């Protein structure tokens, strides 16, 4: 399982067991990306993309991130992208 990932030169710790989806920075500067949706579903793919977009640009407007994530997830899903459990 992925524990950390760097987005735009910023390291994020990854959690898949807390919230449905959220990117945040703690007071100590540590950044977290939470993704809990079922990862093998299209909704899980969309949530993951959505939060990754926030990690890349936390100033982006929520409705723009939502629209972009939905379009990318739908495109990747149509191409056959699926999570395969290890």
PDB file of N, CA and C in Angstrom:
ATOM      1  N   UNK A   1       0.846  -1.182   0.000  1.00  0.00           N
ATOM      2  CA  UNK A   1       0.000   0.000   0.000  1.00  0.00           C
ATOM      3  C   UNK A   1       0.892   1.246   0.000  1.00  0.00           C
ATOM      4  N   UNK A   2       0.473   2.238  -0.735  1.00  0.00           N
ATOM      5  CA  UNK A   2       1.219   3.494  -0.824  1.00  0.00           C
ATOM      6  C   UNK A   2       1.101   4.245   0.503  1.00  0.00           C
ATOM      7  N   UNK A   3       2.234   4.655   1.062  1.00  0.00           N
ATOM      8  CA  UNK A   3       2.248   5.380   2.342  1.00  0.00           C
ATOM      9  C   UNK A   3       2.458   6.882   2.153  1.00  0.00           C
ATOM     10  N   UNK A   4       3.230   7.266   1.124  1.00  0.00           N
ATOM     11  CA  UNK A   4       3.467   8.683   0.830  1.00  0.00           C
ATOM     12  C   UNK A   4       3.511   8.859  -0.688  1.00  0.00           C
ATOM     13  N   UNK A   5       3.288  10.100  -1.102  1.00  0.00           N
ATOM     14  CA  UNK A   5       3.431  10.459  -2.514  1.00  0.00           C
ATOM     15  C   UNK A   5       3.740  11.945  -2.584  1.00  0.00           C
ATOM     16  N   UNK A   6       4.562  12.320  -3.563  1.00  0.00           N
ATOM     17  CA  UNK A   6       4.916  13.723  -3.747  1.00  0.00           C
ATOM     18  C   UNK A   6       4.114  14.292  -4.908  1.00  0.00           C
ATOM     19  N   UNK A   7       3.371  15.357  -4.640  1.00  0.00           N
ATOM     20  CA  UNK A   7       2.606  16.092  -5.630  1.00  0.00           C
ATOM     21  C   UNK A   7       3.205  17.482  -5.735  1.00  0.00           C
ATOM     22  N   UNK A   8       3.664  17.861  -6.926  1.00  0.00           N
ATOM     23  CA  UNK A   8       4.202  19.214  -7.154  1.00  0.00           C
ATOM     24  C   UNK A   8       5.228  19.586  -6.087  1.00  0.00           C
ATOM     25  N   UNK A   9       6.156  18.697  -5.829  1.00  0.00           N
ATOM     26  CA  UNK A   9       7.270  18.883  -4.881  1.00  0.00           C
ATOM     27  C   UNK A   9       6.838  18.933  -3.422  1.00  0.00           C
ATOM     28  N   UNK A  10       5.606  18.525  -3.110  1.00  0.00           N
ATOM     29  CA  UNK A  10       5.130  18.504  -1.721  1.00  0.00           C
ATOM     30  C   UNK A  10       4.769  17.065  -1.343  1.00  0.00           C
ATOM     31  N   UNK A  11       5.403  16.575  -0.287  1.00  0.00           N
ATOM     32  CA  UNK A  11       5.187  15.202   0.164  1.00  0.00           C
ATOM     33  C   UNK A  11       3.891  15.108   0.968  1.00  0.00           C
ATOM     34  N   UNK A  12       3.061  14.140   0.607  1.00  0.00           N
ATOM     35  CA  UNK A  12       1.818  13.861   1.326  1.00  0.00           C
ATOM     36  C   UNK A  12       1.882  12.453   1.896  1.00  0.00           C
ATOM     37  N   UNK A  13       1.365  12.291   3.102  1.00  0.00           N
ATOM     38  CA  UNK A  13       1.169  10.977   3.703  1.00  0.00           C
ATOM     39  C   UNK A  13      -0.211  10.514   3.256  1.00  0.00           C
ATOM     40  N   UNK A  14      -0.342   9.249   2.924  1.00  0.00           N
ATOM     41  CA  UNK A  14      -1.578   8.717   2.372  1.00  0.00           C
ATOM     42  C   UNK A  14      -2.271   7.835   3.401  1.00  0.00           C
ATOM     43  N   UNK A  15      -3.572   8.084   3.585  1.00  0.00           N
ATOM     44  CA  UNK A  15      -4.380   7.260   4.474  1.00  0.00           C
ATOM     45  C   UNK A  15      -5.608   6.793   3.709  1.00  0.00           C
ATOM     46  N   UNK A  16      -5.900   5.509   3.801  1.00  0.00           N
ATOM     47  CA  UNK A  16      -7.086   4.965   3.142  1.00  0.00           C
ATOM     48  C   UNK A  16      -8.083   4.422   4.160  1.00  0.00           C
ATOM     49  N   UNK A  17      -7.992   4.866   5.397  1.00  0.00           N
ATOM     50  CA  UNK A  17      -8.871   4.284   6.417  1.00  0.00           C
ATOM     51  C   UNK A  17      -9.552   5.311   7.310  1.00  0.00           C
ATOM     52  N   UNK A  18      -9.683   6.560   6.870  1.00  0.00           N
ATOM     53  CA  UNK A  18     -10.262   7.554   7.762  1.00  0.00           C
ATOM     54  C   UNK A  18     -11.479   8.229   7.142  1.00  0.00           C
ATOM     55  N   UNK A  19     -11.289   9.102   6.202  1.00  0.00           N
ATOM     56  CA  UNK A  19     -12.381   9.877   5.627  1.00  0.00           C
ATOM     57  C   UNK A  19     -12.663   9.449   4.201  1.00  0.00           C
ATOM     58  N   UNK A  20     -13.788   9.883   3.694  1.00  0.00           N
ATOM     59  CA  UNK A  20     -14.161   9.575   2.319  1.00  0.00           C
ATOM     60  C   UNK A  20     -13.172  10.190   1.336  1.00  0.00           C
ATOM     61  N   UNK A  21     -12.732  11.390   1.591  1.00  0.00           N
ATOM     62  CA  UNK A  21     -11.750  12.039   0.744  1.00  0.00           C
ATOM     63  C   UNK A  21     -11.434  13.424   1.268  1.00  0.00           C
ATOM     64  N   UNK A  22     -10.152  13.720   1.451  1.00  0.00           N
ATOM     65  CA  UNK A  22      -9.759  15.028   1.950  1.00  0.00           C
ATOM     66  C   UNK A  22      -8.250  15.184   1.825  1.00  0.00           C
ATOM     67  N   UNK A  23      -7.815  16.399   1.516  1.00  0.00           N
ATOM     68  CA  UNK A  23      -6.399  16.751   1.548  1.00  0.00           C
ATOM     69  C   UNK A  23      -6.253  17.847   2.593  1.00  0.00           C
ATOM     70  N   UNK A  24      -5.262  17.721   3.458  1.00  0.00           N
ATOM     71  CA  UNK A  24      -5.085  18.727   4.499  1.00  0.00           C
ATOM     72  C   UNK A  24      -3.627  18.863   4.882  1.00  0.00           C
ATOM     73  N   UNK A  25      -3.327  19.994   5.516  1.00  0.00           N
ATOM     74  CA  UNK A  25      -1.995  20.225   6.074  1.00  0.00           C
ATOM     75  C   UNK A  25      -2.158  20.493   7.559  1.00  0.00           C
ATOM     76  N   UNK A  26      -1.413  19.749   8.363  1.00  0.00           N
ATOM     77  CA  UNK A  26      -1.469  19.921   9.810  1.00  0.00           C
ATOM     78  C   UNK A  26      -0.648  21.136  10.226  1.00  0.00           C
ATOM     79  N   UNK A  27      -0.819  21.561  11.464  1.00  0.00           N
ATOM     80  CA  UNK A  27      -0.094  22.728  11.991  1.00  0.00           C
ATOM     81  C   UNK A  27       1.415  22.558  11.909  1.00  0.00           C
ATOM     82  N   UNK A  28       1.897  21.318  12.019  1.00  0.00           N
ATOM     83  CA  UNK A  28       3.343  21.078  11.967  1.00  0.00           C
ATOM     84  C   UNK A  28       3.877  21.011  10.533  1.00  0.00           C
ATOM     85  N   UNK A  29       2.998  21.234   9.538  1.00  0.00           N
ATOM     86  CA  UNK A  29       3.409  21.233   8.148  1.00  0.00           C
ATOM     87  C   UNK A  29       3.261  19.903   7.440  1.00  0.00           C
ATOM     88  N   UNK A  30       2.949  18.863   8.183  1.00  0.00           N
ATOM     89  CA  UNK A  30       2.773  17.529   7.593  1.00  0.00           C
ATOM     90  C   UNK A  30       1.475  17.514   6.784  1.00  0.00           C
ATOM     91  N   UNK A  31       1.547  17.009   5.568  1.00  0.00           N
ATOM     92  CA  UNK A  31       0.383  16.975   4.682  1.00  0.00           C
ATOM     93  C   UNK A  31      -0.183  15.562   4.599  1.00  0.00           C
ATOM     94  N   UNK A  32      -1.517  15.489   4.521  1.00  0.00           N
ATOM     95  CA  UNK A  32      -2.205  14.201   4.449  1.00  0.00           C
ATOM     96  C   UNK A  32      -3.187  14.191   3.292  1.00  0.00           C
ATOM     97  N   UNK A  33      -3.321  13.040   2.667  1.00  0.00           N
ATOM     98  CA  UNK A  33      -4.324  12.798   1.644  1.00  0.00           C
ATOM     99  C   UNK A  33      -5.123  11.583   2.099  1.00  0.00           C
ATOM    100  N   UNK A  34      -6.427  11.769   2.310  1.00  0.00           N
ATOM    101  CA  UNK A  34      -7.297  10.688   2.766  1.00  0.00           C
ATOM    102  C   UNK A  34      -8.191  10.225   1.619  1.00  0.00           C
ATOM    103  N   UNK A  35      -8.199   8.928   1.357  1.00  0.00           N
ATOM    104  CA  UNK A  35      -9.051   8.347   0.325  1.00  0.00           C
ATOM    105  C   UNK A  35      -9.590   7.032   0.863  1.00  0.00           C
ATOM    106  N   UNK A  36     -10.908   6.955   1.095  1.00  0.00           N
ATOM    107  CA  UNK A  36     -11.466   5.761   1.709  1.00  0.00           C
ATOM    108  C   UNK A  36     -12.525   5.071   0.852  1.00  0.00           C
ATOM    109  N   UNK A  37     -12.917   5.645  -0.228  1.00  0.00           N
ATOM    110  CA  UNK A  37     -13.918   4.996  -1.081  1.00  0.00           C
ATOM    111  C   UNK A  37     -13.416   3.617  -1.507  1.00  0.00           C
ATOM    112  N   UNK A  38     -14.310   2.720  -1.872  1.00  0.00           N
ATOM    113  CA  UNK A  38     -13.835   1.445  -2.422  1.00  0.00           C
ATOM    114  C   UNK A  38     -12.995   1.718  -3.666  1.00  0.00           C
ATOM    115  N   UNK A  39     -11.735   1.381  -3.607  1.00  0.00           N
ATOM    116  CA  UNK A  39     -10.786   1.768  -4.642  1.00  0.00           C
ATOM    117  C   UNK A  39     -11.033   1.064  -5.976  1.00  0.00           C
ATOM    118  N   UNK A  40     -11.791  -0.032  -5.991  1.00  0.00           N
ATOM    119  CA  UNK A  40     -12.032  -0.743  -7.238  1.00  0.00           C
ATOM    120  C   UNK A  40     -13.255  -0.200  -7.989  1.00  0.00           C
ATOM    121  N   UNK A  41     -13.904   0.858  -7.453  1.00  0.00           N
ATOM    122  CA  UNK A  41     -15.081   1.438  -8.094  1.00  0.00           C
ATOM    123  C   UNK A  41     -14.726   2.733  -8.817  1.00  0.00           C
ATOM    124  N   UNK A  42     -15.617   3.139  -9.704  1.00  0.00           N
ATOM    125  CA  UNK A  42     -15.400   4.414 -10.397  1.00  0.00           C
ATOM    126  C   UNK A  42     -15.448   5.575  -9.410  1.00  0.00           C
ATOM    127  N   UNK A  43     -16.321   5.502  -8.412  1.00  0.00           N
ATOM    128  CA  UNK A  43     -16.379   6.553  -7.389  1.00  0.00           C
ATOM    129  C   UNK A  43     -15.057   6.641  -6.632  1.00  0.00           C
ATOM    130  N   UNK A  44     -14.445   5.500  -6.355  1.00  0.00           N
ATOM    131  CA  UNK A  44     -13.146   5.504  -5.684  1.00  0.00           C
ATOM    132  C   UNK A  44     -12.069   6.131  -6.547  1.00  0.00           C
ATOM    133  N   UNK A  45     -12.095   5.826  -7.847  1.00  0.00           N
ATOM    134  CA  UNK A  45     -11.145   6.430  -8.777  1.00  0.00           C
ATOM    135  C   UNK A  45     -11.342   7.938  -8.827  1.00  0.00           C
ATOM    136  N   UNK A  46     -12.597   8.373  -8.907  1.00  0.00           N
ATOM    137  CA  UNK A  46     -12.899   9.807  -8.959  1.00  0.00           C
ATOM    138  C   UNK A  46     -12.462  10.523  -7.687  1.00  0.00           C
ATOM    139  N   UNK A  47     -12.721   9.927  -6.536  1.00  0.00           N
ATOM    140  CA  UNK A  47     -12.312  10.531  -5.262  1.00  0.00           C
ATOM    141  C   UNK A  47     -10.794  10.647  -5.180  1.00  0.00           C
ATOM    142  N   UNK A  48     -10.089   9.614  -5.620  1.00  0.00           N
ATOM    143  CA  UNK A  48      -8.628   9.632  -5.596  1.00  0.00           C
ATOM    144  C   UNK A  48      -8.086  10.742  -6.492  1.00  0.00           C
ATOM    145  N   UNK A  49      -8.621  10.861  -7.692  1.00  0.00           N
ATOM    146  CA  UNK A  49      -8.196  11.927  -8.604  1.00  0.00           C
ATOM    147  C   UNK A  49      -8.523  13.292  -8.012  1.00  0.00           C
ATOM    148  N   UNK A  50      -9.707  13.428  -7.460  1.00  0.00           N
ATOM    149  CA  UNK A  50     -10.149  14.688  -6.847  1.00  0.00           C
ATOM    150  C   UNK A  50      -9.162  15.157  -5.774  1.00  0.00           C
ATOM    151  N   UNK A  51      -8.817  14.263  -4.880  1.00  0.00           N
ATOM    152  CA  UNK A  51      -7.906  14.641  -3.791  1.00  0.00           C
ATOM    153  C   UNK A  51      -6.490  14.878  -4.300  1.00  0.00           C
ATOM    154  N   UNK A  52      -6.066  14.131  -5.307  1.00  0.00           N
ATOM    155  CA  UNK A  52      -4.745  14.371  -5.908  1.00  0.00           C
ATOM    156  C   UNK A  52      -4.695  15.761  -6.544  1.00  0.00           C
ATOM    157  N   UNK A  53      -5.787  16.180  -7.169  1.00  0.00           N
ATOM    158  CA  UNK A  53      -5.844  17.527  -7.743  1.00  0.00           C
ATOM    159  C   UNK A  53      -5.723  18.590  -6.656  1.00  0.00           C
ATOM    160  N   UNK A  54      -6.397  18.382  -5.535  1.00  0.00           N
ATOM    161  CA  UNK A  54      -6.257  19.312  -4.405  1.00  0.00           C
ATOM    162  C   UNK A  54      -4.809  19.356  -3.923  1.00  0.00           C
ATOM    163  N   UNK A  55      -4.167  18.198  -3.875  1.00  0.00           N
ATOM    164  CA  UNK A  55      -2.775  18.152  -3.425  1.00  0.00           C
ATOM    165  C   UNK A  55      -1.872  18.924  -4.383  1.00  0.00           C
ATOM    166  N   UNK A  56      -2.181  18.869  -5.669  1.00  0.00           N
ATOM    167  CA  UNK A  56      -1.376  19.598  -6.656  1.00  0.00           C
ATOM    168  C   UNK A  56      -1.619  21.098  -6.595  1.00  0.00           C
ATOM    169  N   UNK A  57      -2.846  21.494  -6.321  1.00  0.00           N
ATOM    170  CA  UNK A  57      -3.188  22.920  -6.247  1.00  0.00           C
ATOM    171  C   UNK A  57      -4.298  23.120  -5.229  1.00  0.00           C
ATOM    172  N   UNK A  58      -3.921  23.349  -3.985  1.00  0.00           N
ATOM    173  CA  UNK A  58      -4.902  23.478  -2.907  1.00  0.00           C
ATOM    174  C   UNK A  58      -5.762  24.727  -3.038  1.00  0.00           C
ATOM    175  N   UNK A  59      -5.372  25.658  -3.919  1.00  0.00           N
ATOM    176  CA  UNK A  59      -6.166  26.883  -4.111  1.00  0.00           C
ATOM    177  C   UNK A  59      -7.277  26.704  -5.135  1.00  0.00           C
ATOM    178  N   UNK A  60      -7.280  25.589  -5.849  1.00  0.00           N
ATOM    179  CA  UNK A  60      -8.287  25.349  -6.889  1.00  0.00           C
ATOM    180  C   UNK A  60      -9.681  25.314  -6.264  1.00  0.00           C
ATOM    181  N   UNK A  61     -10.635  25.847  -6.986  1.00  0.00           N
ATOM    182  CA  UNK A  61     -12.015  25.883  -6.489  1.00  0.00           C
ATOM    183  C   UNK A  61     -12.621  24.483  -6.494  1.00  0.00           C
ATOM    184  N   UNK A  62     -13.415  24.206  -5.481  1.00  0.00           N
ATOM    185  CA  UNK A  62     -13.987  22.872  -5.288  1.00  0.00           C
ATOM    186  C   UNK A  62     -14.782  22.407  -6.504  1.00  0.00           C
ATOM    187  N   UNK A  63     -15.618  23.278  -7.056  1.00  0.00           N
ATOM    188  CA  UNK A  63     -16.437  22.852  -8.190  1.00  0.00           C
ATOM    189  C   UNK A  63     -15.584  22.550  -9.421  1.00  0.00           C
ATOM    190  N   UNK A  64     -14.474  23.266  -9.609  1.00  0.00           N
ATOM    191  CA  UNK A  64     -13.584  22.978 -10.723  1.00  0.00           C
ATOM    192  C   UNK A  64     -12.885  21.630 -10.535  1.00  0.00           C
ATOM    193  N   UNK A  65     -12.392  21.385  -9.315  1.00  0.00           N
ATOM    194  CA  UNK A  65     -11.736  20.107  -9.013  1.00  0.00           C
ATOM    195  C   UNK A  65     -12.717  18.956  -9.205  1.00  0.00           C
ATOM    196  N   UNK A  66     -13.945  19.131  -8.756  1.00  0.00           N
ATOM    197  CA  UNK A  66     -14.971  18.097  -8.901  1.00  0.00           C
ATOM    198  C   UNK A  66     -15.234  17.783 -10.363  1.00  0.00           C
ATOM    199  N   UNK A  67     -15.396  18.813 -11.177  1.00  0.00           N
ATOM    200  CA  UNK A  67     -15.662  18.617 -12.607  1.00  0.00           C
ATOM    201  C   UNK A  67     -14.492  17.933 -13.311  1.00  0.00           C
ATOM    202  N   UNK A  68     -13.278  18.387 -13.027  1.00  0.00           N
ATOM    203  CA  UNK A  68     -12.093  17.807 -13.667  1.00  0.00           C
ATOM    204  C   UNK A  68     -11.924  16.353 -13.247  1.00  0.00           C
ATOM    205  N   UNK A  69     -12.048  16.078 -11.951  1.00  0.00           N
ATOM    206  CA  UNK A  69     -11.893  14.700 -11.461  1.00  0.00           C
ATOM    207  C   UNK A  69     -12.937  13.783 -12.075  1.00  0.00           C
ATOM    208  N   UNK A  70     -14.166  14.251 -12.176  1.00  0.00           N
ATOM    209  CA  UNK A  70     -15.233  13.435 -12.759  1.00  0.00           C
ATOM    210  C   UNK A  70     -14.920  13.115 -14.219  1.00  0.00           C
ATOM    211  N   UNK A  71     -14.480  14.123 -14.972  1.00  0.00           N
ATOM    212  CA  UNK A  71     -14.168  13.905 -16.388  1.00  0.00           C
ATOM    213  C   UNK A  71     -12.988  12.949 -16.577  1.00  0.00           C
ATOM    214  N   UNK A  72     -11.935  13.118 -15.784  1.00  0.00           N
ATOM    215  CA  UNK A  72     -10.770  12.234 -15.899  1.00  0.00           C
ATOM    216  C   UNK A  72     -11.137  10.814 -15.483  1.00  0.00           C
ATOM    217  N   UNK A  73     -11.880  10.666 -14.385  1.00  0.00           N
ATOM    218  CA  UNK A  73     -12.278   9.337 -13.923  1.00  0.00           C
ATOM    219  C   UNK A  73     -13.143   8.642 -14.967  1.00  0.00           C
ATOM    220  N   UNK A  74     -14.092   9.362 -15.533  1.00  0.00           N
ATOM    221  CA  UNK A  74     -14.960   8.778 -16.553  1.00  0.00           C
ATOM    222  C   UNK A  74     -14.140   8.340 -17.770  1.00  0.00           C
ATOM    223  N   UNK A  75     -13.179   9.169 -18.188  1.00  0.00           N
ATOM    224  CA  UNK A  75     -12.312   8.848 -19.311  1.00  0.00           C
ATOM    225  C   UNK A  75     -11.472   7.601 -19.024  1.00  0.00           C
ATOM    226  N   UNK A  76     -10.805   7.575 -17.865  1.00  0.00           N
ATOM    227  CA  UNK A  76      -9.976   6.418 -17.516  1.00  0.00           C
ATOM    228  C   UNK A  76     -10.815   5.157 -17.378  1.00  0.00           C
ATOM    229  N   UNK A  77     -12.008   5.276 -16.794  1.00  0.00           N
ATOM    230  CA  UNK A  77     -12.892   4.125 -16.622  1.00  0.00           C
ATOM    231  C   UNK A  77     -13.293   3.557 -17.984  1.00  0.00           C
ATOM    232  N   UNK A  78     -13.600   4.452 -18.927  1.00  0.00           N
ATOM    233  CA  UNK A  78     -13.970   4.020 -20.279  1.00  0.00           C
ATOM    234  C   UNK A  78     -12.804   3.326 -20.972  1.00  0.00           C
ATOM    235  N   UNK A  79     -11.571   3.720 -20.630  1.00  0.00           N
ATOM    236  CA  UNK A  79     -10.391   3.069 -21.203  1.00  0.00           C
ATOM    237  C   UNK A  79     -10.091   1.722 -20.552  1.00  0.00           C
ATOM    238  N   UNK A  80     -10.794   1.411 -19.461  1.00  0.00           N
ATOM    239  CA  UNK A  80     -10.628   0.116 -18.827  1.00  0.00           C
ATOM    240  C   UNK A  80      -9.764   0.111 -17.575  1.00  0.00           C
ATOM    241  N   UNK A  81      -9.394   1.280 -17.058  1.00  0.00           N
ATOM    242  CA  UNK A  81      -8.578   1.334 -15.842  1.00  0.00           C
ATOM    243  C   UNK A  81      -9.385   0.826 -14.660  1.00  0.00           C
ATOM    244  N   UNK A  82      -8.812  -0.132 -13.947  1.00  0.00           N
ATOM    245  CA  UNK A  82      -9.438  -0.692 -12.749  1.00  0.00           C
ATOM    246  C   UNK A  82      -8.329  -0.997 -11.741  1.00  0.00           C
ATOM    247  N   UNK A  83      -8.656  -0.904 -10.485  1.00  0.00           N
ATOM    248  CA  UNK A  83      -7.701  -1.320  -9.452  1.00  0.00           C
ATOM    249  C   UNK A  83      -7.768  -2.828  -9.307  1.00  0.00           C
ATOM    250  N   UNK A  84      -6.621  -3.438  -9.312  1.00  0.00           N
ATOM    251  CA  UNK A  84      -6.530  -4.883  -9.094  1.00  0.00           C
ATOM    252  C   UNK A  84      -5.943  -5.064  -7.707  1.00  0.00           C
ATOM    253  N   UNK A  85      -6.699  -5.706  -6.828  1.00  0.00           N
ATOM    254  CA  UNK A  85      -6.224  -5.931  -5.466  1.00  0.00           C
ATOM    255  C   UNK A  85      -5.059  -6.903  -5.478  1.00  0.00           C
ATOM    256  N   UNK A  86      -4.049  -6.592  -4.646  1.00  0.00           N
ATOM    257  CA  UNK A  86      -2.852  -7.438  -4.569  1.00  0.00           C
ATOM    258  C   UNK A  86      -3.122  -8.737  -3.860  1.00  0.00           C
TER     259      UNK A  86
END
